[in-house]
Structures are given as structure tokens and as C-alpha cells.
Amino acid sequence: RLFDVEWSRGSTRLVTASGDGTARLFDVETAAELGAFAFHRGTVKAVAVRPGSGGDVFASCGRDGALALWDARVASRASASVAPYGERLSLAASSKPVAVVERAHEDDH
């Protein structure tokens, strides 16, 4: 299930948010998937592409309340995980966002 799509202005790339817990980067000119980015524990609800990045830099937010920042050029590393008020949190070794804000949103329902 697809929840959000964002085009990268001035490029042929788009980023999707999906129910399988991934954000995916595509080149629409070649119909190629350039990468699947998995961090969220559940549905990815929205994505936003950084203007001028050609689709390489984008954010995803999930139903888990986390916000992840991705850079497709360095997708194999994880560098930071920060909760509100600066509390540092750990990342699993397989996680690949360049930065994460846990509990960026919490659903009390």
C-alpha cells in the first residue's frame, strides 16, 4: 500500500512511503528502483525531498512516531539517533538513516 509520493523537482526521481515499512527511491525515466530504505517499525506515512538534492536527501516519517533523514549517497551508514530534548538513542546495526528523531510524533489513541 502506498501512502505518499514526492517528486524531486528538476530531476526524474521520486520517493514513496509505503505500508511495508520502507521508503523507496525511483528514477521514473528508467523505471528503476534506486533503493529501498527501511528503518520504521511499521507503516511509512509520509516522505519529503530536500529541494536541490536530486532526490538523494529525503525524510520519512512513520506510524511508529519516528522521523528518519536519508542520504542515498551514504545510505550504508547510521550516524545519530536523537529523541526530543537531545536524549541520544541507539540504532540497530542494520539501520541506515543518517539521522533519526524518535518520538517525533506520538499517537495517544
PDB file of N, CA and C in Angstrom:
ATOM      1  N   ARG A   1       0.834  -1.172   0.000  1.00  0.00           N
ATOM      2  CA  ARG A   1       0.000   0.000   0.000  1.00  0.00           C
ATOM      3  C   ARG A   1       0.888   1.247   0.000  1.00  0.00           C
ATOM      4  N   LEU A   2       0.570   2.180  -0.843  1.00  0.00           N
ATOM      5  CA  LEU A   2       1.317   3.422  -0.989  1.00  0.00           C
ATOM      6  C   LEU A   2       0.610   4.544  -0.234  1.00  0.00           C
ATOM      7  N   PHE A   3       1.359   5.247   0.635  1.00  0.00           N
ATOM      8  CA  PHE A   3       0.767   6.311   1.441  1.00  0.00           C
ATOM      9  C   PHE A   3       1.160   7.712   0.995  1.00  0.00           C
ATOM     10  N   ASP A   4       2.314   7.855   0.352  1.00  0.00           N
ATOM     11  CA  ASP A   4       2.754   9.181  -0.067  1.00  0.00           C
ATOM     12  C   ASP A   4       3.767   9.045  -1.193  1.00  0.00           C
ATOM     13  N   VAL A   5       3.805  10.050  -2.060  1.00  0.00           N
ATOM     14  CA  VAL A   5       4.774  10.136  -3.152  1.00  0.00           C
ATOM     15  C   VAL A   5       5.248  11.574  -3.222  1.00  0.00           C
ATOM     16  N   GLU A   6       6.556  11.767  -3.357  1.00  0.00           N
ATOM     17  CA  GLU A   6       7.069  13.119  -3.549  1.00  0.00           C
ATOM     18  C   GLU A   6       8.085  13.120  -4.681  1.00  0.00           C
ATOM     19  N   TRP A   7       7.849  14.003  -5.646  1.00  0.00           N
ATOM     20  CA  TRP A   7       8.770  14.192  -6.764  1.00  0.00           C
ATOM     21  C   TRP A   7       9.923  15.077  -6.318  1.00  0.00           C
ATOM     22  N   SER A   8      11.097  14.803  -6.854  1.00  0.00           N
ATOM     23  CA  SER A   8      12.239  15.678  -6.657  1.00  0.00           C
ATOM     24  C   SER A   8      12.250  16.674  -7.807  1.00  0.00           C
ATOM     25  N   ARG A   9      11.998  17.928  -7.497  1.00  0.00           N
ATOM     26  CA  ARG A   9      11.940  18.960  -8.542  1.00  0.00           C
ATOM     27  C   ARG A   9      13.236  19.016  -9.334  1.00  0.00           C
ATOM     28  N   GLY A  10      13.099  19.130 -10.642  1.00  0.00           N
ATOM     29  CA  GLY A  10      14.262  19.262 -11.507  1.00  0.00           C
ATOM     30  C   GLY A  10      14.992  17.965 -11.768  1.00  0.00           C
ATOM     31  N   SER A  11      14.421  16.841 -11.366  1.00  0.00           N
ATOM     32  CA  SER A  11      15.056  15.548 -11.627  1.00  0.00           C
ATOM     33  C   SER A  11      13.990  14.545 -12.049  1.00  0.00           C
ATOM     34  N   THR A  12      14.425  13.361 -12.363  1.00  0.00           N
ATOM     35  CA  THR A  12      13.499  12.299 -12.775  1.00  0.00           C
ATOM     36  C   THR A  12      13.224  11.330 -11.637  1.00  0.00           C
ATOM     37  N   ARG A  13      13.509  11.741 -10.412  1.00  0.00           N
ATOM     38  CA  ARG A  13      13.357  10.852  -9.261  1.00  0.00           C
ATOM     39  C   ARG A  13      12.130  11.180  -8.428  1.00  0.00           C
ATOM     40  N   LEU A  14      11.631  10.134  -7.781  1.00  0.00           N
ATOM     41  CA  LEU A  14      10.566  10.307  -6.801  1.00  0.00           C
ATOM     42  C   LEU A  14      10.802   9.361  -5.649  1.00  0.00           C
ATOM     43  N   VAL A  15      10.238   9.718  -4.502  1.00  0.00           N
ATOM     44  CA  VAL A  15      10.348   8.917  -3.282  1.00  0.00           C
ATOM     45  C   VAL A  15       8.944   8.534  -2.848  1.00  0.00           C
ATOM     46  N   THR A  16       8.778   7.280  -2.414  1.00  0.00           N
ATOM     47  CA  THR A  16       7.474   6.801  -1.967  1.00  0.00           C
ATOM     48  C   THR A  16       7.525   6.384  -0.499  1.00  0.00           C
ATOM     49  N   ALA A  17       6.366   6.436   0.146  1.00  0.00           N
ATOM     50  CA  ALA A  17       6.177   5.943   1.519  1.00  0.00           C
ATOM     51  C   ALA A  17       5.176   4.806   1.433  1.00  0.00           C
ATOM     52  N   SER A  18       5.491   3.670   2.050  1.00  0.00           N
ATOM     53  CA  SER A  18       4.599   2.525   1.878  1.00  0.00           C
ATOM     54  C   SER A  18       4.323   1.770   3.165  1.00  0.00           C
ATOM     55  N   GLY A  19       3.313   0.940   3.066  1.00  0.00           N
ATOM     56  CA  GLY A  19       2.852   0.154   4.197  1.00  0.00           C
ATOM     57  C   GLY A  19       3.777  -0.974   4.594  1.00  0.00           C
ATOM     58  N   ASP A  20       4.767  -1.286   3.754  1.00  0.00           N
ATOM     59  CA  ASP A  20       5.694  -2.362   4.105  1.00  0.00           C
ATOM     60  C   ASP A  20       6.843  -1.869   4.978  1.00  0.00           C
ATOM     61  N   GLY A  21       6.769  -0.604   5.430  1.00  0.00           N
ATOM     62  CA  GLY A  21       7.792  -0.063   6.318  1.00  0.00           C
ATOM     63  C   GLY A  21       8.988   0.529   5.604  1.00  0.00           C
ATOM     64  N   THR A  22       8.897   0.725   4.285  1.00  0.00           N
ATOM     65  CA  THR A  22      10.019   1.270   3.536  1.00  0.00           C
ATOM     66  C   THR A  22       9.673   2.581   2.856  1.00  0.00           C
ATOM     67  N   ALA A  23      10.714   3.373   2.647  1.00  0.00           N
ATOM     68  CA  ALA A  23      10.676   4.491   1.706  1.00  0.00           C
ATOM     69  C   ALA A  23      11.500   4.000   0.524  1.00  0.00           C
ATOM     70  N   ARG A  24      11.034   4.296  -0.685  1.00  0.00           N
ATOM     71  CA  ARG A  24      11.744   3.817  -1.872  1.00  0.00           C
ATOM     72  C   ARG A  24      12.020   4.972  -2.820  1.00  0.00           C
ATOM     73  N   LEU A  25      13.206   4.927  -3.426  1.00  0.00           N
ATOM     74  CA  LEU A  25      13.639   5.941  -4.377  1.00  0.00           C
ATOM     75  C   LEU A  25      13.603   5.338  -5.773  1.00  0.00           C
ATOM     76  N   PHE A  26      12.944   6.037  -6.702  1.00  0.00           N
ATOM     77  CA  PHE A  26      12.801   5.564  -8.076  1.00  0.00           C
ATOM     78  C   PHE A  26      13.284   6.613  -9.057  1.00  0.00           C
ATOM     79  N   ASP A  27      13.777   6.141 -10.206  1.00  0.00           N
ATOM     80  CA  ASP A  27      14.029   7.007 -11.356  1.00  0.00           C
ATOM     81  C   ASP A  27      12.914   6.716 -12.346  1.00  0.00           C
ATOM     82  N   VAL A  28      12.049   7.682 -12.587  1.00  0.00           N
ATOM     83  CA  VAL A  28      10.883   7.433 -13.443  1.00  0.00           C
ATOM     84  C   VAL A  28      11.253   7.360 -14.920  1.00  0.00           C
ATOM     85  N   GLU A  29      12.388   7.936 -15.296  1.00  0.00           N
ATOM     86  CA  GLU A  29      12.814   7.876 -16.693  1.00  0.00           C
ATOM     87  C   GLU A  29      13.233   6.467 -17.083  1.00  0.00           C
ATOM     88  N   THR A  30      13.899   5.764 -16.181  1.00  0.00           N
ATOM     89  CA  THR A  30      14.365   4.402 -16.469  1.00  0.00           C
ATOM     90  C   THR A  30      13.483   3.336 -15.828  1.00  0.00           C
ATOM     91  N   ALA A  31      12.519   3.748 -15.014  1.00  0.00           N
ATOM     92  CA  ALA A  31      11.645   2.839 -14.268  1.00  0.00           C
ATOM     93  C   ALA A  31      12.431   1.956 -13.297  1.00  0.00           C
ATOM     94  N   ALA A  32      13.578   2.456 -12.846  1.00  0.00           N
ATOM     95  CA  ALA A  32      14.428   1.688 -11.935  1.00  0.00           C
ATOM     96  C   ALA A  32      14.195   2.101 -10.486  1.00  0.00           C
ATOM     97  N   GLU A  33      14.151   1.096  -9.609  1.00  0.00           N
ATOM     98  CA  GLU A  33      14.165   1.376  -8.176  1.00  0.00           C
ATOM     99  C   GLU A  33      15.619   1.566  -7.782  1.00  0.00           C
ATOM    100  N   LEU A  34      15.949   2.727  -7.234  1.00  0.00           N
ATOM    101  CA  LEU A  34      17.327   3.049  -6.882  1.00  0.00           C
ATOM    102  C   LEU A  34      17.679   2.655  -5.456  1.00  0.00           C
ATOM    103  N   GLY A  35      16.665   2.370  -4.653  1.00  0.00           N
ATOM    104  CA  GLY A  35      16.935   1.946  -3.289  1.00  0.00           C
ATOM    105  C   GLY A  35      15.677   1.813  -2.469  1.00  0.00           C
ATOM    106  N   ALA A  36      15.729   0.895  -1.509  1.00  0.00           N
ATOM    107  CA  ALA A  36      14.666   0.723  -0.519  1.00  0.00           C
ATOM    108  C   ALA A  36      15.292   1.041   0.831  1.00  0.00           C
ATOM    109  N   PHE A  37      14.653   1.918   1.585  1.00  0.00           N
ATOM    110  CA  PHE A  37      15.207   2.434   2.829  1.00  0.00           C
ATOM    111  C   PHE A  37      14.298   2.019   3.980  1.00  0.00           C
ATOM    112  N   ALA A  38      14.793   1.105   4.814  1.00  0.00           N
ATOM    113  CA  ALA A  38      13.978   0.528   5.883  1.00  0.00           C
ATOM    114  C   ALA A  38      14.533   0.929   7.244  1.00  0.00           C
ATOM    115  N   PHE A  39      13.702   1.534   8.047  1.00  0.00           N
ATOM    116  CA  PHE A  39      14.040   1.848   9.429  1.00  0.00           C
ATOM    117  C   PHE A  39      12.815   1.744  10.320  1.00  0.00           C
ATOM    118  N   HIS A  40      11.693   2.220   9.834  1.00  0.00           N
ATOM    119  CA  HIS A  40      10.491   2.354  10.649  1.00  0.00           C
ATOM    120  C   HIS A  40       9.920   1.004  11.070  1.00  0.00           C
ATOM    121  N   ARG A  41       9.355   0.978  12.271  1.00  0.00           N
ATOM    122  CA  ARG A  41       8.678  -0.209  12.790  1.00  0.00           C
ATOM    123  C   ARG A  41       7.199  -0.066  12.449  1.00  0.00           C
ATOM    124  N   GLY A  42       6.881  -0.324  11.206  1.00  0.00           N
ATOM    125  CA  GLY A  42       5.508  -0.184  10.738  1.00  0.00           C
ATOM    126  C   GLY A  42       5.445   0.693   9.504  1.00  0.00           C
ATOM    127  N   THR A  43       4.266   1.164   9.225  1.00  0.00           N
ATOM    128  CA  THR A  43       3.968   1.933   8.028  1.00  0.00           C
ATOM    129  C   THR A  43       4.759   3.237   7.950  1.00  0.00           C
ATOM    130  N   VAL A  44       5.289   3.534   6.766  1.00  0.00           N
ATOM    131  CA  VAL A  44       5.847   4.857   6.497  1.00  0.00           C
ATOM    132  C   VAL A  44       4.695   5.694   5.968  1.00  0.00           C
ATOM    133  N   LYS A  45       4.384   6.791   6.636  1.00  0.00           N
ATOM    134  CA  LYS A  45       3.200   7.580   6.299  1.00  0.00           C
ATOM    135  C   LYS A  45       3.477   8.748   5.361  1.00  0.00           C
ATOM    136  N   ALA A  46       4.685   9.324   5.394  1.00  0.00           N
ATOM    137  CA  ALA A  46       4.968  10.492   4.558  1.00  0.00           C
ATOM    138  C   ALA A  46       6.458  10.591   4.263  1.00  0.00           C
ATOM    139  N   VAL A  47       6.770  11.226   3.140  1.00  0.00           N
ATOM    140  CA  VAL A  47       8.149  11.497   2.750  1.00  0.00           C
ATOM    141  C   VAL A  47       8.244  12.941   2.264  1.00  0.00           C
ATOM    142  N   ALA A  48       9.439  13.514   2.382  1.00  0.00           N
ATOM    143  CA  ALA A  48       9.700  14.869   1.885  1.00  0.00           C
ATOM    144  C   ALA A  48      11.118  14.905   1.336  1.00  0.00           C
ATOM    145  N   VAL A  49      11.268  15.428   0.122  1.00  0.00           N
ATOM    146  CA  VAL A  49      12.569  15.503  -0.539  1.00  0.00           C
ATOM    147  C   VAL A  49      13.177  16.885  -0.309  1.00  0.00           C
ATOM    148  N   ARG A  50      14.469  16.910  -0.018  1.00  0.00           N
ATOM    149  CA  ARG A  50      15.163  18.194   0.152  1.00  0.00           C
ATOM    150  C   ARG A  50      15.317  18.851  -1.209  1.00  0.00           C
ATOM    151  N   PRO A  51      14.832  20.070  -1.369  1.00  0.00           N
ATOM    152  CA  PRO A  51      14.965  20.768  -2.654  1.00  0.00           C
ATOM    153  C   PRO A  51      16.432  20.878  -3.077  1.00  0.00           C
ATOM    154  N   GLY A  52      16.676  20.649  -4.344  1.00  0.00           N
ATOM    155  CA  GLY A  52      18.021  20.759  -4.885  1.00  0.00           C
ATOM    156  C   GLY A  52      18.896  19.544  -4.682  1.00  0.00           C
ATOM    157  N   SER A  53      18.381  18.500  -4.039  1.00  0.00           N
ATOM    158  CA  SER A  53      19.203  17.316  -3.757  1.00  0.00           C
ATOM    159  C   SER A  53      19.120  16.263  -4.851  1.00  0.00           C
ATOM    160  N   GLY A  54      18.276  16.475  -5.847  1.00  0.00           N
ATOM    161  CA  GLY A  54      18.117  15.472  -6.896  1.00  0.00           C
ATOM    162  C   GLY A  54      17.481  14.194  -6.396  1.00  0.00           C
ATOM    163  N   GLY A  55      16.836  14.265  -5.246  1.00  0.00           N
ATOM    164  CA  GLY A  55      16.197  13.089  -4.667  1.00  0.00           C
ATOM    165  C   GLY A  55      17.092  12.295  -3.741  1.00  0.00           C
ATOM    166  N   ASP A  56      18.363  12.668  -3.638  1.00  0.00           N
ATOM    167  CA  ASP A  56      19.286  11.922  -2.784  1.00  0.00           C
ATOM    168  C   ASP A  56      19.025  12.126  -1.297  1.00  0.00           C
ATOM    169  N   VAL A  57      18.540  13.295  -0.910  1.00  0.00           N
ATOM    170  CA  VAL A  57      18.317  13.600   0.505  1.00  0.00           C
ATOM    171  C   VAL A  57      16.822  13.757   0.743  1.00  0.00           C
ATOM    172  N   PHE A  58      16.301  12.944   1.661  1.00  0.00           N
ATOM    173  CA  PHE A  58      14.870  12.997   1.949  1.00  0.00           C
ATOM    174  C   PHE A  58      14.608  12.534   3.367  1.00  0.00           C
ATOM    175  N   ALA A  59      13.425  12.834   3.836  1.00  0.00           N
ATOM    176  CA  ALA A  59      12.998  12.424   5.172  1.00  0.00           C
ATOM    177  C   ALA A  59      11.798  11.506   5.051  1.00  0.00           C
ATOM    178  N   SER A  60      11.676  10.600   5.996  1.00  0.00           N
ATOM    179  CA  SER A  60      10.489   9.743   6.081  1.00  0.00           C
ATOM    180  C   SER A  60       9.973   9.804   7.506  1.00  0.00           C
ATOM    181  N   CYS A  61       8.661   9.724   7.652  1.00  0.00           N
ATOM    182  CA  CYS A  61       8.086   9.634   8.989  1.00  0.00           C
ATOM    183  C   CYS A  61       7.092   8.482   8.991  1.00  0.00           C
ATOM    184  N   GLY A  62       7.070   7.793  10.103  1.00  0.00           N
ATOM    185  CA  GLY A  62       6.269   6.581  10.172  1.00  0.00           C
ATOM    186  C   GLY A  62       5.245   6.599  11.278  1.00  0.00           C
ATOM    187  N   ARG A  63       4.405   5.611  11.217  1.00  0.00           N
ATOM    188  CA  ARG A  63       3.370   5.434  12.237  1.00  0.00           C
ATOM    189  C   ARG A  63       3.996   5.175  13.609  1.00  0.00           C
ATOM    190  N   ASP A  64       5.262   4.746  13.611  1.00  0.00           N
ATOM    191  CA  ASP A  64       5.976   4.499  14.865  1.00  0.00           C
ATOM    192  C   ASP A  64       6.371   5.790  15.582  1.00  0.00           C
ATOM    193  N   GLY A  65       6.101   6.945  14.964  1.00  0.00           N
ATOM    194  CA  GLY A  65       6.418   8.222  15.578  1.00  0.00           C
ATOM    195  C   GLY A  65       7.810   8.732  15.279  1.00  0.00           C
ATOM    196  N   ALA A  66       8.597   7.986  14.525  1.00  0.00           N
ATOM    197  CA  ALA A  66       9.969   8.389  14.224  1.00  0.00           C
ATOM    198  C   ALA A  66      10.048   9.149  12.908  1.00  0.00           C
ATOM    199  N   LEU A  67      11.036  10.028  12.844  1.00  0.00           N
ATOM    200  CA  LEU A  67      11.373  10.737  11.626  1.00  0.00           C
ATOM    201  C   LEU A  67      12.803  10.344  11.273  1.00  0.00           C
ATOM    202  N   ALA A  68      13.028   9.888  10.042  1.00  0.00           N
ATOM    203  CA  ALA A  68      14.358   9.465   9.611  1.00  0.00           C
ATOM    204  C   ALA A  68      14.819  10.337   8.454  1.00  0.00           C
ATOM    205  N   LEU A  69      16.081  10.749   8.504  1.00  0.00           N
ATOM    206  CA  LEU A  69      16.689  11.521   7.429  1.00  0.00           C
ATOM    207  C   LEU A  69      17.625  10.601   6.662  1.00  0.00           C
ATOM    208  N   TRP A  70      17.452  10.584   5.342  1.00  0.00           N
ATOM    209  CA  TRP A  70      18.207   9.683   4.474  1.00  0.00           C
ATOM    210  C   TRP A  70      19.047  10.472   3.486  1.00  0.00           C
ATOM    211  N   ASP A  71      20.214   9.943   3.156  1.00  0.00           N
ATOM    212  CA  ASP A  71      21.030  10.450   2.056  1.00  0.00           C
ATOM    213  C   ASP A  71      21.415   9.230   1.240  1.00  0.00           C
ATOM    214  N   ALA A  72      20.823   9.089   0.063  1.00  0.00           N
ATOM    215  CA  ALA A  72      21.030   7.898  -0.762  1.00  0.00           C
ATOM    216  C   ALA A  72      22.494   7.722  -1.155  1.00  0.00           C
ATOM    217  N   ARG A  73      23.278   8.775  -1.102  1.00  0.00           N
ATOM    218  CA  ARG A  73      24.700   8.675  -1.443  1.00  0.00           C
ATOM    219  C   ARG A  73      25.498   7.989  -0.346  1.00  0.00           C
ATOM    220  N   VAL A  74      24.992   7.989   0.881  1.00  0.00           N
ATOM    221  CA  VAL A  74      25.694   7.374   2.016  1.00  0.00           C
ATOM    222  C   VAL A  74      24.744   6.487   2.803  1.00  0.00           C
ATOM    223  N   ALA A  75      23.891   5.774   2.113  1.00  0.00           N
ATOM    224  CA  ALA A  75      22.817   5.020   2.759  1.00  0.00           C
ATOM    225  C   ALA A  75      23.306   3.870   3.617  1.00  0.00           C
ATOM    226  N   SER A  76      24.564   3.493   3.523  1.00  0.00           N
ATOM    227  CA  SER A  76      25.022   2.337   4.283  1.00  0.00           C
ATOM    228  C   SER A  76      25.500   2.675   5.687  1.00  0.00           C
ATOM    229  N   ARG A  77      25.388   3.938   6.102  1.00  0.00           N
ATOM    230  CA  ARG A  77      25.855   4.267   7.456  1.00  0.00           C
ATOM    231  C   ARG A  77      24.731   4.851   8.305  1.00  0.00           C
ATOM    232  N   ALA A  78      24.847   4.649   9.572  1.00  0.00           N
ATOM    233  CA  ALA A  78      23.931   5.282  10.527  1.00  0.00           C
ATOM    234  C   ALA A  78      24.790   6.143  11.432  1.00  0.00           C
ATOM    235  N   SER A  79      24.366   7.373  11.685  1.00  0.00           N
ATOM    236  CA  SER A  79      25.240   8.224  12.477  1.00  0.00           C
ATOM    237  C   SER A  79      24.633   8.712  13.781  1.00  0.00           C
ATOM    238  N   ALA A  80      23.339   8.956  13.821  1.00  0.00           N
ATOM    239  CA  ALA A  80      22.798   9.552  15.043  1.00  0.00           C
ATOM    240  C   ALA A  80      21.337   9.192  15.216  1.00  0.00           C
ATOM    241  N   SER A  81      20.942   9.103  16.450  1.00  0.00           N
ATOM    242  CA  SER A  81      19.543   8.915  16.797  1.00  0.00           C
ATOM    243  C   SER A  81      19.268   9.785  18.008  1.00  0.00           C
ATOM    244  N   VAL A  82      18.348  10.726  17.858  1.00  0.00           N
ATOM    245  CA  VAL A  82      18.111  11.708  18.907  1.00  0.00           C
ATOM    246  C   VAL A  82      16.628  11.789  19.220  1.00  0.00           C
ATOM    247  N   ALA A  83      16.298  11.767  20.493  1.00  0.00           N
ATOM    248  CA  ALA A  83      14.919  11.941  20.943  1.00  0.00           C
ATOM    249  C   ALA A  83      14.703  13.420  21.257  1.00  0.00           C
ATOM    250  N   PRO A  84      13.465  13.825  21.469  1.00  0.00           N
ATOM    251  CA  PRO A  84      13.232  15.211  21.869  1.00  0.00           C
ATOM    252  C   PRO A  84      14.081  15.579  23.092  1.00  0.00           C
ATOM    253  N   TYR A  85      14.489  16.821  23.158  1.00  0.00           N
ATOM    254  CA  TYR A  85      15.313  17.349  24.250  1.00  0.00           C
ATOM    255  C   TYR A  85      16.732  16.791  24.250  1.00  0.00           C
ATOM    256  N   GLY A  86      17.180  16.237  23.095  1.00  0.00           N
ATOM    257  CA  GLY A  86      18.571  15.848  22.945  1.00  0.00           C
ATOM    258  C   GLY A  86      18.970  14.493  23.485  1.00  0.00           C
ATOM    259  N   GLU A  87      18.048  13.718  23.998  1.00  0.00           N
ATOM    260  CA  GLU A  87      18.376  12.395  24.518  1.00  0.00           C
ATOM    261  C   GLU A  87      18.838  11.503  23.367  1.00  0.00           C
ATOM    262  N   ARG A  88      20.026  10.903  23.482  1.00  0.00           N
ATOM    263  CA  ARG A  88      20.536  10.032  22.418  1.00  0.00           C
ATOM    264  C   ARG A  88      19.951   8.634  22.569  1.00  0.00           C
ATOM    265  N   LEU A  89      19.589   8.065  21.453  1.00  0.00           N
ATOM    266  CA  LEU A  89      19.054   6.712  21.414  1.00  0.00           C
ATOM    267  C   LEU A  89      19.946   5.877  20.516  1.00  0.00           C
ATOM    268  N   SER A  90      19.902   4.572  20.647  1.00  0.00           N
ATOM    269  CA  SER A  90      20.756   3.725  19.820  1.00  0.00           C
ATOM    270  C   SER A  90      20.050   3.335  18.531  1.00  0.00           C
ATOM    271  N   LEU A  91      20.842   2.994  17.528  1.00  0.00           N
ATOM    272  CA  LEU A  91      20.336   2.483  16.257  1.00  0.00           C
ATOM    273  C   LEU A  91      20.787   1.041  16.105  1.00  0.00           C
ATOM    274  N   ALA A  92      19.950   0.228  15.526  1.00  0.00           N
ATOM    275  CA  ALA A  92      20.354  -1.137  15.208  1.00  0.00           C
ATOM    276  C   ALA A  92      21.406  -1.084  14.106  1.00  0.00           C
ATOM    277  N   ALA A  93      22.291  -2.073  14.078  1.00  0.00           N
ATOM    278  CA  ALA A  93      23.378  -2.076  13.103  1.00  0.00           C
ATOM    279  C   ALA A  93      22.885  -2.069  11.665  1.00  0.00           C
ATOM    280  N   SER A  94      21.711  -2.610  11.410  1.00  0.00           N
ATOM    281  CA  SER A  94      21.212  -2.684  10.042  1.00  0.00           C
ATOM    282  C   SER A  94      20.496  -1.416   9.599  1.00  0.00           C
ATOM    283  N   SER A  95      20.284  -0.471  10.501  1.00  0.00           N
ATOM    284  CA  SER A  95      19.597   0.770  10.158  1.00  0.00           C
ATOM    285  C   SER A  95      20.525   1.671   9.361  1.00  0.00           C
ATOM    286  N   LYS A  96      19.941   2.425   8.401  1.00  0.00           N
ATOM    287  CA  LYS A  96      20.786   3.201   7.529  1.00  0.00           C
ATOM    288  C   LYS A  96      20.462   4.681   7.394  1.00  0.00           C
ATOM    289  N   PRO A  97      19.557   5.241   8.161  1.00  0.00           N
ATOM    290  CA  PRO A  97      19.352   6.681   8.040  1.00  0.00           C
ATOM    291  C   PRO A  97      20.567   7.434   8.575  1.00  0.00           C
ATOM    292  N   VAL A  98      20.799   8.637   8.079  1.00  0.00           N
ATOM    293  CA  VAL A  98      21.918   9.434   8.588  1.00  0.00           C
ATOM    294  C   VAL A  98      21.561  10.135   9.891  1.00  0.00           C
ATOM    295  N   ALA A  99      20.273  10.291  10.168  1.00  0.00           N
ATOM    296  CA  ALA A  99      19.823  10.860  11.443  1.00  0.00           C
ATOM    297  C   ALA A  99      18.392  10.411  11.702  1.00  0.00           C
ATOM    298  N   VAL A 100      18.041  10.308  12.977  1.00  0.00           N
ATOM    299  CA  VAL A 100      16.701   9.864  13.366  1.00  0.00           C
ATOM    300  C   VAL A 100      16.234  10.686  14.558  1.00  0.00           C
ATOM    301  N   VAL A 101      14.971  11.051  14.555  1.00  0.00           N
ATOM    302  CA  VAL A 101      14.335  11.635  15.731  1.00  0.00           C
ATOM    303  C   VAL A 101      13.249  10.655  16.146  1.00  0.00           C
ATOM    304  N   GLU A 102      13.470   9.978  17.254  1.00  0.00           N
ATOM    305  CA  GLU A 102      12.467   9.063  17.789  1.00  0.00           C
ATOM    306  C   GLU A 102      11.395   9.884  18.493  1.00  0.00           C
ATOM    307  N   ARG A 103      10.209   9.357  18.550  1.00  0.00           N
ATOM    308  CA  ARG A 103       9.086  10.006  19.235  1.00  0.00           C
ATOM    309  C   ARG A 103       8.862  11.437  18.741  1.00  0.00           C
ATOM    310  N   ALA A 104       9.105  11.654  17.436  1.00  0.00           N
ATOM    311  CA  ALA A 104       8.823  12.964  16.844  1.00  0.00           C
ATOM    312  C   ALA A 104       7.325  13.218  16.860  1.00  0.00           C
ATOM    313  N   HIS A 105       6.584  12.140  16.880  1.00  0.00           N
ATOM    314  CA  HIS A 105       5.120  12.203  16.940  1.00  0.00           C
ATOM    315  C   HIS A 105       4.670  10.979  17.711  1.00  0.00           C
ATOM    316  N   GLU A 106       3.793  11.150  18.637  1.00  0.00           N
ATOM    317  CA  GLU A 106       3.234  10.017  19.360  1.00  0.00           C
ATOM    318  C   GLU A 106       1.727  10.100  19.303  1.00  0.00           C
ATOM    319  N   ASP A 107       1.122   8.981  18.967  1.00  0.00           N
ATOM    320  CA  ASP A 107      -0.333   8.897  18.886  1.00  0.00           C
ATOM    321  C   ASP A 107      -0.847   8.374  20.216  1.00  0.00           C
ATOM    322  N   ASP A 108      -1.598   9.182  20.929  1.00  0.00           N
ATOM    323  CA  ASP A 108      -2.116   8.790  22.244  1.00  0.00           C
ATOM    324  C   ASP A 108      -3.403   7.991  22.163  1.00  0.00           C
ATOM    325  N   HIS A 109      -3.873   7.702  20.964  1.00  0.00           N
ATOM    326  CA  HIS A 109      -5.145   6.997  20.807  1.00  0.00           C
ATOM    327  C   HIS A 109      -4.947   5.522  20.679  1.00  0.00           C
TER     328      HIS A 109
END
